[in-house]
Amino acid sequence: DGLLSMGCGCRGTSGFVHPDCLEQMAASSSTDPLEAYARFVSCATCHQTLGGVLQIVMMRKYWRSYRRSRNEGARRQAAYFLAVLLRTHDSLEAREYLLAEATRGKSEFGPFGLRIVTEQANVLARTGRGAEALDLLQKAHRKATLWGEALAISSVSQQLAFVLVFLGRHDEALAHAYEAVDIAQRAGCKETDVQDLKGSCATILAKMGRLQEAWKMCRVEVEYCERIYGPDHVRTERARMRVAAGLGFCSTSFAD
């Protein structure tokens, strides 16, 4: 690796480093993975987090250094930082490891495990591996249903809907989107979150050519956002843009 800017608060030549040299210093700084991690991702002089390309390079080096560690905690720590902080195809190996860890049992699934499942499914879908993403989410959905975890079921159902749309299976996608809304309502989720889920339903309806149903659902979402946040709030504008993108209407149509 060549000389890279550290992207921290240091100036002049102090703000540049060879990644291989930084890796050697970080790895030798401590036998504790957490303490070593701080040296991998932050400047030892000004203590600011590394930025730019160097941050990505060092994150990958951290994973390579600890992924085969005999210390299970070190492996999990390394995988976590790479998989969660780097949302790229390069982090798939780390995500797969974390997924196996997170889905061993109900107690380990939780919000963290669910986040790993859904994020990996998104990566798979974006990299042309939609069938794998679907299989992953269906397994997560069955486990969440078996455990009776309403919020987990709702979240996975929403992600299932997105992947099914990606695969062109709109009827199934709509069923899962409606399931996500129903479960979120019964679980007492915030109305703003429920409206977001309904917006997903509207987008799928539009893709299916059911524009009248999609229009009604989107109109309700926009009116809700205007009432709660005001006409100029970012969430209101996002609801309008959903209509513009999904239905082909311009956002100003709501002023009529």
Protein backbone atom coordinates (compact mmCIF):
# COMPACT_ATOMS: atom_id res chain seq x y z
CA ASP A 1 0.00 0.00 0.00
CA GLY A 2 1.19 3.58 -0.76
CA LEU A 3 1.28 6.62 1.46
CA LEU A 4 -2.27 7.68 2.38
CA SER A 5 -3.78 10.67 4.14
CA MET A 6 -4.96 9.80 7.63
CA GLY A 7 -7.94 12.15 7.36
CA CYS A 8 -7.50 13.14 11.01
CA GLY A 9 -6.54 16.39 12.72
CA CYS A 10 -2.78 16.11 12.09
CA ARG A 11 -1.22 18.43 9.52
CA GLY A 12 1.83 18.23 7.29
CA THR A 13 3.76 14.98 7.00
CA SER A 14 2.24 13.81 10.30
CA GLY A 15 -1.09 13.47 8.50
CA PHE A 16 0.16 10.72 6.16
CA VAL A 17 1.01 7.09 6.83
CA HIS A 18 1.78 3.79 5.13
CA PRO A 19 -1.16 1.44 5.92
CA ASP A 20 1.17 -1.55 6.36
CA CYS A 21 3.22 0.36 8.95
CA LEU A 22 0.08 1.47 10.76
CA GLU A 23 -1.16 -2.12 10.78
CA GLN A 24 2.06 -3.37 12.38
CA MET A 25 1.96 -0.68 15.06
CA ALA A 26 -1.73 -1.30 15.78
CA ALA A 27 -1.40 -5.08 15.96
CA SER A 28 1.55 -4.86 18.35
CA SER A 29 -0.08 -2.21 20.54
CA SER A 30 -2.24 -4.64 22.54
CA THR A 31 -3.32 -8.25 22.80
CA ASP A 32 -6.86 -7.07 23.49
CA PRO A 33 -8.85 -6.89 20.21
CA LEU A 34 -10.87 -3.89 21.42
CA GLU A 35 -7.79 -1.89 22.36
CA ALA A 36 -6.08 -2.88 19.12
CA TYR A 37 -9.17 -1.82 17.16
CA ALA A 38 -8.79 1.74 18.45
CA ARG A 39 -5.29 1.85 16.96
CA PHE A 40 -6.54 0.43 13.65
CA VAL A 41 -9.17 3.11 13.14
CA SER A 42 -7.92 6.22 14.97
CA CYS A 43 -4.82 8.38 15.05
CA ALA A 44 -2.49 7.68 17.99
CA THR A 45 -1.45 11.33 18.06
CA CYS A 46 -4.66 13.36 17.86
CA HIS A 47 -7.01 10.43 18.61
CA GLN A 48 -9.43 11.41 15.85
CA THR A 49 -11.03 8.68 13.72
CA LEU A 50 -9.23 7.95 10.46
CA GLY A 51 -11.04 9.09 7.35
CA GLY A 52 -11.29 8.52 3.63
CA VAL A 53 -9.71 5.56 1.87
CA LEU A 54 -7.42 4.79 4.81
CA GLN A 55 -10.38 4.03 7.09
CA ILE A 56 -11.63 1.38 4.65
CA VAL A 57 -8.15 -0.07 4.15
CA MET A 58 -7.57 -0.35 7.89
CA MET A 59 -10.99 -1.85 8.54
CA ARG A 60 -10.21 -4.64 6.09
CA LYS A 61 -6.81 -5.15 7.66
CA TYR A 62 -8.44 -5.43 11.08
CA TRP A 63 -10.77 -8.15 9.79
CA ARG A 64 -7.91 -10.05 8.15
CA SER A 65 -5.87 -9.85 11.36
CA TYR A 66 -8.56 -11.23 13.66
CA ARG A 67 -10.95 -13.35 11.60
CA ARG A 68 -9.01 -16.52 12.41
CA SER A 69 -8.22 -15.63 15.99
CA ARG A 70 -8.67 -18.40 18.56
CA ASN A 71 -10.50 -15.85 20.65
CA GLU A 72 -14.16 -16.08 19.61
CA GLY A 73 -14.84 -12.60 20.96
CA ALA A 74 -12.06 -11.19 18.78
CA ARG A 75 -13.52 -12.85 15.67
CA ARG A 76 -16.98 -11.51 16.43
CA GLN A 77 -15.59 -8.04 17.13
CA ALA A 78 -13.63 -7.97 13.89
CA ALA A 79 -16.60 -9.21 11.88
CA TYR A 80 -18.94 -6.71 13.50
CA PHE A 81 -16.86 -3.67 12.63
CA LEU A 82 -16.30 -4.75 9.04
CA ALA A 83 -19.83 -5.93 8.34
CA VAL A 84 -21.73 -3.10 9.98
CA LEU A 85 -19.46 -0.15 9.31
CA LEU A 86 -18.58 -1.13 5.74
CA ARG A 87 -21.74 -1.69 3.70
CA THR A 88 -20.00 -3.13 0.66
CA HIS A 89 -19.66 -6.43 -1.14
CA ASP A 90 -16.23 -6.82 0.48
CA SER A 91 -17.89 -7.30 3.86
CA LEU A 92 -19.97 -10.34 2.81
CA GLU A 93 -17.59 -12.83 4.39
CA ALA A 94 -17.84 -10.99 7.71
CA ARG A 95 -21.62 -10.75 7.41
CA GLU A 96 -21.93 -14.47 6.79
CA TYR A 97 -19.89 -15.19 9.91
CA LEU A 98 -22.00 -12.84 12.00
CA LEU A 99 -25.21 -14.27 10.60
CA ALA A 100 -24.18 -17.75 11.72
CA GLU A 101 -23.37 -16.35 15.15
CA ALA A 102 -26.56 -14.32 15.43
CA THR A 103 -29.00 -17.06 14.40
CA ARG A 104 -27.79 -19.84 16.68
CA GLY A 105 -30.63 -19.27 19.10
CA LYS A 106 -33.41 -16.92 20.05
CA SER A 107 -31.40 -15.05 22.66
CA GLU A 108 -28.66 -14.24 20.14
CA PHE A 109 -30.97 -13.21 17.31
CA GLY A 110 -32.39 -9.98 18.69
CA PRO A 111 -32.05 -6.57 17.03
CA PHE A 112 -28.34 -7.03 16.29
CA GLY A 113 -28.81 -10.38 14.54
CA LEU A 114 -31.78 -9.04 12.62
CA ARG A 115 -29.76 -6.07 11.44
CA ILE A 116 -27.05 -8.37 10.12
CA VAL A 117 -29.63 -10.55 8.31
CA THR A 118 -31.38 -7.65 6.60
CA GLU A 119 -28.19 -5.80 5.70
CA GLN A 120 -26.65 -8.91 4.19
CA ALA A 121 -29.84 -9.57 2.22
CA ASN A 122 -29.63 -6.04 0.82
CA VAL A 123 -26.00 -6.56 -0.19
CA LEU A 124 -26.86 -9.87 -1.85
CA ALA A 125 -29.77 -8.34 -3.77
CA ARG A 126 -27.69 -5.37 -4.96
CA THR A 127 -24.93 -7.68 -6.21
CA GLY A 128 -27.23 -9.82 -8.34
CA ARG A 129 -27.78 -12.57 -5.78
CA GLY A 130 -31.49 -12.00 -5.24
CA ALA A 131 -32.34 -15.69 -4.83
CA GLU A 132 -29.80 -16.00 -1.99
CA ALA A 133 -31.18 -12.85 -0.37
CA LEU A 134 -34.69 -14.28 -0.54
CA ASP A 135 -33.63 -17.59 0.98
CA LEU A 136 -31.83 -15.78 3.80
CA LEU A 137 -34.84 -13.62 4.66
CA GLN A 138 -37.29 -16.51 4.46
CA LYS A 139 -35.21 -18.41 7.04
CA ALA A 140 -35.12 -15.34 9.27
CA HIS A 141 -38.88 -14.89 8.85
CA ARG A 142 -39.57 -18.49 9.90
CA LYS A 143 -37.39 -18.12 13.00
CA ALA A 144 -38.93 -14.82 14.00
CA THR A 145 -42.42 -16.30 13.50
CA LEU A 146 -41.52 -19.36 15.56
CA TRP A 147 -40.33 -17.14 18.38
CA GLY A 148 -43.33 -14.84 18.11
CA GLU A 149 -41.23 -11.68 17.92
CA ALA A 150 -43.63 -9.19 16.33
CA LEU A 151 -41.17 -6.40 15.57
CA ALA A 152 -38.69 -8.85 14.07
CA ILE A 153 -41.40 -10.35 11.86
CA SER A 154 -42.49 -6.90 10.68
CA SER A 155 -38.94 -5.83 9.84
CA VAL A 156 -38.11 -9.04 7.98
CA SER A 157 -41.44 -8.91 6.12
CA GLN A 158 -40.60 -5.43 4.89
CA GLN A 159 -37.21 -6.57 3.63
CA LEU A 160 -38.79 -9.62 2.02
CA ALA A 161 -41.13 -7.32 0.14
CA PHE A 162 -38.20 -5.30 -1.22
CA VAL A 163 -36.32 -8.38 -2.40
CA LEU A 164 -39.44 -9.91 -3.97
CA VAL A 165 -40.04 -6.67 -5.89
CA PHE A 166 -36.44 -6.87 -7.06
CA LEU A 167 -37.19 -10.40 -8.34
CA GLY A 168 -40.42 -9.29 -10.01
CA ARG A 169 -42.69 -11.27 -7.67
CA HIS A 170 -45.02 -8.41 -6.86
CA ASP A 171 -48.01 -10.34 -5.49
CA GLU A 172 -45.86 -12.02 -2.84
CA ALA A 173 -44.09 -8.74 -2.16
CA LEU A 174 -47.39 -6.98 -1.51
CA ALA A 175 -48.54 -9.73 0.87
CA HIS A 176 -45.37 -9.35 2.94
CA ALA A 177 -45.62 -5.54 2.88
CA TYR A 178 -49.19 -5.69 4.19
CA GLU A 179 -48.08 -8.20 6.83
CA ALA A 180 -45.39 -5.77 7.99
CA VAL A 181 -48.00 -3.01 8.36
CA ASP A 182 -50.47 -5.23 10.20
CA ILE A 183 -47.90 -6.53 12.67
CA ALA A 184 -46.45 -3.06 13.29
CA GLN A 185 -49.93 -1.73 14.08
CA ARG A 186 -50.75 -4.60 16.45
CA ALA A 187 -47.37 -4.25 18.15
CA GLY A 188 -48.06 -0.58 18.90
CA CYS A 189 -45.29 0.88 16.73
CA LYS A 190 -45.07 4.62 16.18
CA GLU A 191 -47.56 5.90 13.64
CA THR A 192 -44.71 7.45 11.64
CA ASP A 193 -43.12 3.99 11.24
CA VAL A 194 -46.47 2.50 10.24
CA GLN A 195 -46.92 5.21 7.61
CA ASP A 196 -43.47 4.43 6.21
CA LEU A 197 -44.50 0.79 5.86
CA LYS A 198 -47.72 1.80 4.14
CA GLY A 199 -45.66 3.88 1.75
CA SER A 200 -43.82 0.71 0.78
CA CYS A 201 -47.18 -0.94 0.06
CA ALA A 202 -48.12 1.99 -2.15
CA THR A 203 -44.90 1.71 -4.13
CA ILE A 204 -45.54 -1.98 -4.79
CA LEU A 205 -49.17 -1.30 -5.77
CA ALA A 206 -47.93 1.29 -8.29
CA LYS A 207 -45.49 -1.20 -9.78
CA MET A 208 -48.42 -3.62 -10.20
CA GLY A 209 -50.41 -0.97 -12.06
CA ARG A 210 -52.94 -0.52 -9.23
CA LEU A 211 -52.50 3.24 -9.27
CA GLN A 212 -55.81 4.20 -7.71
CA GLU A 213 -55.12 2.12 -4.58
CA ALA A 214 -51.55 3.39 -4.45
CA TRP A 215 -52.73 6.98 -4.82
CA LYS A 216 -55.15 6.70 -1.90
CA MET A 217 -52.52 5.16 0.36
CA CYS A 218 -49.92 7.76 -0.55
CA ARG A 219 -52.38 10.60 -0.09
CA VAL A 220 -53.08 9.41 3.46
CA GLU A 221 -49.33 9.28 4.20
CA VAL A 222 -48.71 12.78 2.84
CA GLU A 223 -51.67 14.25 4.73
CA TYR A 224 -50.43 12.60 7.93
CA CYS A 225 -46.91 14.01 7.47
CA GLU A 226 -48.26 17.47 6.68
CA ARG A 227 -50.38 17.38 9.83
CA ILE A 228 -47.64 16.09 12.15
CA TYR A 229 -44.49 17.67 10.68
CA GLY A 230 -45.71 20.50 8.46
CA PRO A 231 -45.68 20.90 4.67
CA ASP A 232 -41.96 21.70 4.41
CA HIS A 233 -40.56 18.93 6.61
CA VAL A 234 -38.17 16.39 5.08
CA ARG A 235 -40.48 13.48 5.89
CA THR A 236 -43.37 15.23 4.18
CA GLU A 237 -41.25 15.86 1.13
CA ARG A 238 -40.11 12.25 1.16
CA ALA A 239 -43.73 11.12 1.14
CA ARG A 240 -44.41 13.41 -1.82
CA MET A 241 -41.36 12.14 -3.64
CA ARG A 242 -42.56 8.58 -3.13
CA VAL A 243 -45.67 9.55 -5.08
CA ALA A 244 -43.59 11.28 -7.75
CA ALA A 245 -41.33 8.25 -8.17
CA GLY A 246 -43.91 5.52 -7.81
CA LEU A 247 -46.98 7.00 -9.46
CA GLY A 248 -45.55 9.48 -11.90
CA PHE A 249 -47.25 12.47 -10.26
CA CYS A 250 -45.30 15.60 -9.45
CA SER A 251 -45.11 16.60 -5.80
CA THR A 252 -46.96 19.85 -6.49
CA SER A 253 -50.12 17.88 -7.29
CA PHE A 254 -50.81 17.73 -3.57
CA ALA A 255 -51.27 21.46 -3.49
CA ASP A 256 -54.45 21.15 -5.57
